[in-house]
Amino acid sequence: MVKLIANSPFSKLLPKTIGTVTLTDIDSGKMTLVAPFKGQQKLVSDALKSTLGVEFPAPNRTLGKMPRSVWFGRGLALIIGADCPDLDGAACFDHSDAWAIVRLDGTDTSAILARLTPIDLRESTFKCGHTARTLIGHMTGCITRLGVQSFEVMVMRSMAATLVHELTQVAKNIAARPVISA
């Protein structure tokens, strides 16, 4: 009989440090996509708040640490890090094995992501707790700012190795830049 072993989508790829940036694999645990039925978003938000401590997020926002509620498109939220309760006013879909999440920490994180995504990631525009569905290289995904020099990047699990490859290439290019002193 074949014995199956669960692996991270970044198995043998992460963690790694390149220049000033560290890439680490985030084990998100349970992930559930929540799509409230028409007119039911407030009811769903209240149910999430009472059971998990996080509400349905506003557009382009994420709420909580763990569990978290991440805006995932018009009328959609991704609940990360907890079993989603039964919600009468929403369709709920298990996405636990669908996504791969990398955390980027370090002084060059914004510079790296700026070369891979068309959105403005300056701290004055894209603040802590902001999230965006966007292109990341040639992949679609989600970027969330966790701190001044910290982001999470989420792509479909099948794109995990491609994401690490692209982040690594850009990080190496940035790390190779000469330091110019005044």
Protein backbone atom coordinates (compact mmCIF):
# COMPACT_ATOMS: atom_id res chain seq x y z
CA MET A 1 0.00 0.00 0.00
CA VAL A 2 1.22 3.49 -0.85
CA LYS A 3 1.82 5.76 2.12
CA LEU A 4 0.96 9.39 1.35
CA ILE A 5 2.90 12.13 3.09
CA ALA A 6 1.57 15.68 3.23
CA ASN A 7 4.11 18.22 2.02
CA SER A 8 4.19 21.98 1.99
CA PRO A 9 3.91 23.50 -1.49
CA PHE A 10 7.37 24.98 -0.77
CA SER A 11 8.92 21.72 0.39
CA LYS A 12 12.71 21.91 -0.14
CA LEU A 13 12.38 25.47 -1.55
CA LEU A 14 12.06 27.59 1.59
CA PRO A 15 13.17 29.18 3.87
CA LYS A 16 15.89 31.23 2.21
CA THR A 17 17.57 34.57 2.69
CA ILE A 18 18.78 36.62 -0.26
CA GLY A 19 20.45 39.94 0.47
CA THR A 20 18.28 41.71 3.05
CA VAL A 21 15.14 39.64 2.43
CA THR A 22 14.01 36.38 4.00
CA LEU A 23 11.39 34.19 2.32
CA THR A 24 9.49 31.78 4.55
CA ASP A 25 6.66 29.34 4.01
CA ILE A 26 3.44 30.11 5.88
CA ASP A 27 1.39 27.13 7.02
CA SER A 28 -2.06 28.65 6.93
CA GLY A 29 -3.97 25.65 8.20
CA LYS A 30 -7.64 25.72 7.26
CA MET A 31 -8.71 28.12 4.52
CA THR A 32 -12.36 28.66 3.60
CA LEU A 33 -13.72 30.91 0.86
CA VAL A 34 -16.95 32.57 2.04
CA ALA A 35 -19.43 34.01 -0.46
CA PRO A 36 -22.45 35.58 1.25
CA PHE A 37 -25.77 35.31 -0.57
CA LYS A 38 -27.37 38.53 -1.79
CA GLY A 39 -28.25 40.76 1.16
CA GLN A 40 -26.65 38.41 3.72
CA GLN A 41 -23.19 39.94 4.18
CA LYS A 42 -24.07 41.66 7.50
CA LEU A 43 -25.56 38.42 8.88
CA VAL A 44 -22.46 36.47 7.77
CA SER A 45 -20.13 39.13 9.21
CA ASP A 46 -21.93 38.98 12.57
CA ALA A 47 -21.74 35.16 12.60
CA LEU A 48 -18.01 35.24 11.83
CA LYS A 49 -17.43 37.85 14.55
CA SER A 50 -19.29 35.84 17.19
CA THR A 51 -17.63 32.50 16.38
CA LEU A 52 -14.12 33.41 15.17
CA GLY A 53 -13.61 36.96 16.39
CA VAL A 54 -13.16 38.39 12.87
CA GLU A 55 -15.70 40.12 10.67
CA PHE A 56 -16.21 40.04 6.92
CA PRO A 57 -13.48 42.40 5.64
CA ALA A 58 -14.01 45.61 3.72
CA PRO A 59 -12.65 45.67 0.15
CA ASN A 60 -8.83 45.44 0.02
CA ARG A 61 -8.50 44.79 3.75
CA THR A 62 -7.55 41.94 6.04
CA LEU A 63 -8.68 41.57 9.64
CA GLY A 64 -7.20 39.66 12.56
CA LYS A 65 -3.97 37.74 13.01
CA MET A 66 -5.03 34.10 13.36
CA PRO A 67 -7.70 33.40 12.43
CA ARG A 68 -7.83 36.05 9.73
CA SER A 69 -10.42 37.30 7.32
CA VAL A 70 -8.98 38.42 3.97
CA TRP A 71 -10.90 40.29 1.27
CA PHE A 72 -10.68 38.07 -1.79
CA GLY A 73 -12.76 39.85 -4.39
CA ARG A 74 -16.17 41.44 -4.68
CA GLY A 75 -18.39 39.76 -2.11
CA LEU A 76 -15.74 37.18 -1.17
CA ALA A 77 -13.61 36.61 1.91
CA LEU A 78 -11.01 33.98 2.69
CA ILE A 79 -11.04 32.78 6.29
CA ILE A 80 -7.53 31.61 7.18
CA GLY A 81 -6.38 29.67 10.22
CA ALA A 82 -9.63 28.26 11.62
CA ASP A 83 -12.52 25.99 10.79
CA CYS A 84 -15.24 28.14 9.31
CA PRO A 85 -18.54 27.84 11.17
CA ASP A 86 -21.73 26.78 9.41
CA LEU A 87 -23.05 29.95 7.84
CA ASP A 88 -26.71 29.97 6.82
CA GLY A 89 -26.34 33.04 4.65
CA ALA A 90 -23.30 32.04 2.59
CA ALA A 91 -21.74 29.46 0.35
CA CYS A 92 -18.51 28.17 1.90
CA PHE A 93 -15.76 26.31 0.03
CA ASP A 94 -12.70 24.60 1.50
CA HIS A 95 -9.55 26.10 -0.05
CA SER A 96 -7.06 24.59 2.40
CA ASP A 97 -5.03 22.85 -0.31
CA ALA A 98 -5.53 25.47 -3.01
CA TRP A 99 -3.13 28.24 -1.98
CA ALA A 100 0.54 28.67 -1.17
CA ILE A 101 1.68 31.58 1.00
CA VAL A 102 5.18 33.09 1.23
CA ARG A 103 6.13 35.69 3.80
CA LEU A 104 8.75 38.27 2.77
CA ASP A 105 10.62 40.16 5.49
CA GLY A 106 13.43 42.65 5.08
CA THR A 107 14.40 46.09 3.86
CA ASP A 108 14.12 45.29 0.14
CA THR A 109 10.69 43.61 0.18
CA SER A 110 8.89 46.56 -1.42
CA ALA A 111 11.58 46.86 -4.11
CA ILE A 112 11.28 43.16 -4.94
CA LEU A 113 7.49 43.19 -5.16
CA ALA A 114 7.53 46.45 -7.16
CA ARG A 115 9.25 44.55 -9.97
CA LEU A 116 6.59 41.82 -9.98
CA THR A 117 3.28 43.61 -9.50
CA PRO A 118 1.60 46.67 -11.05
CA ILE A 119 0.10 47.95 -7.78
CA ASP A 120 1.52 50.79 -5.70
CA LEU A 121 3.04 49.20 -2.59
CA ARG A 122 4.40 52.38 -1.00
CA GLU A 123 3.61 52.39 2.70
CA SER A 124 1.71 55.67 2.37
CA THR A 125 -0.71 54.00 -0.08
CA PHE A 126 -0.67 50.30 0.80
CA LYS A 127 -0.77 50.31 4.61
CA CYS A 128 -0.51 47.47 7.13
CA GLY A 129 -3.66 45.35 6.82
CA HIS A 130 -4.20 46.25 3.15
CA THR A 131 -4.57 43.41 0.68
CA ALA A 132 -4.95 43.25 -3.10
CA ARG A 133 -5.75 40.62 -5.69
CA THR A 134 -3.27 41.33 -8.45
CA LEU A 135 -0.75 40.02 -10.92
CA ILE A 136 2.49 38.73 -9.41
CA GLY A 137 4.83 38.25 -12.33
CA HIS A 138 2.66 36.33 -14.77
CA MET A 139 0.55 34.72 -12.02
CA THR A 140 -2.59 35.94 -10.32
CA GLY A 141 -2.46 36.10 -6.57
CA CYS A 142 -2.91 38.17 -3.45
CA ILE A 143 -0.49 40.50 -1.64
CA THR A 144 -1.06 41.57 1.97
CA ARG A 145 1.07 44.05 3.91
CA LEU A 146 1.83 42.74 7.40
CA GLY A 147 4.24 45.44 8.51
CA VAL A 148 6.59 48.17 7.30
CA GLN A 149 8.96 45.64 5.70
CA SER A 150 6.79 42.54 5.72
CA PHE A 151 4.36 41.10 3.16
CA GLU A 152 2.52 37.88 2.46
CA VAL A 153 2.22 36.74 -1.14
CA MET A 154 -0.36 34.11 -2.00
CA VAL A 155 -0.63 32.19 -5.28
CA MET A 156 -2.32 28.98 -6.36
CA ARG A 157 -0.51 25.96 -4.94
CA SER A 158 0.49 24.78 -8.43
CA MET A 159 2.45 28.05 -8.88
CA ALA A 160 4.49 27.75 -5.65
CA ALA A 161 7.80 26.82 -7.31
CA THR A 162 7.31 29.51 -9.96
CA LEU A 163 6.69 32.13 -7.26
CA VAL A 164 9.86 31.15 -5.38
CA HIS A 165 11.84 31.21 -8.64
CA GLU A 166 10.61 34.71 -9.56
CA LEU A 167 11.09 36.13 -6.05
CA THR A 168 14.58 34.60 -5.92
CA GLN A 169 15.61 36.04 -9.29
CA VAL A 170 14.43 39.55 -8.42
CA ALA A 171 15.95 39.38 -4.92
CA LYS A 172 19.32 38.32 -6.38
CA ASN A 173 19.21 41.20 -8.86
CA ILE A 174 18.44 43.72 -6.12
CA ALA A 175 21.07 42.26 -3.77
CA ALA A 176 23.67 42.63 -6.54
CA ARG A 177 23.10 46.39 -6.90
CA PRO A 178 26.10 48.47 -5.89
CA VAL A 179 25.80 50.43 -2.70
CA ILE A 180 26.35 54.12 -3.39
CA SER A 181 27.38 56.17 -0.40
CA ALA A 182 26.91 59.92 -0.21
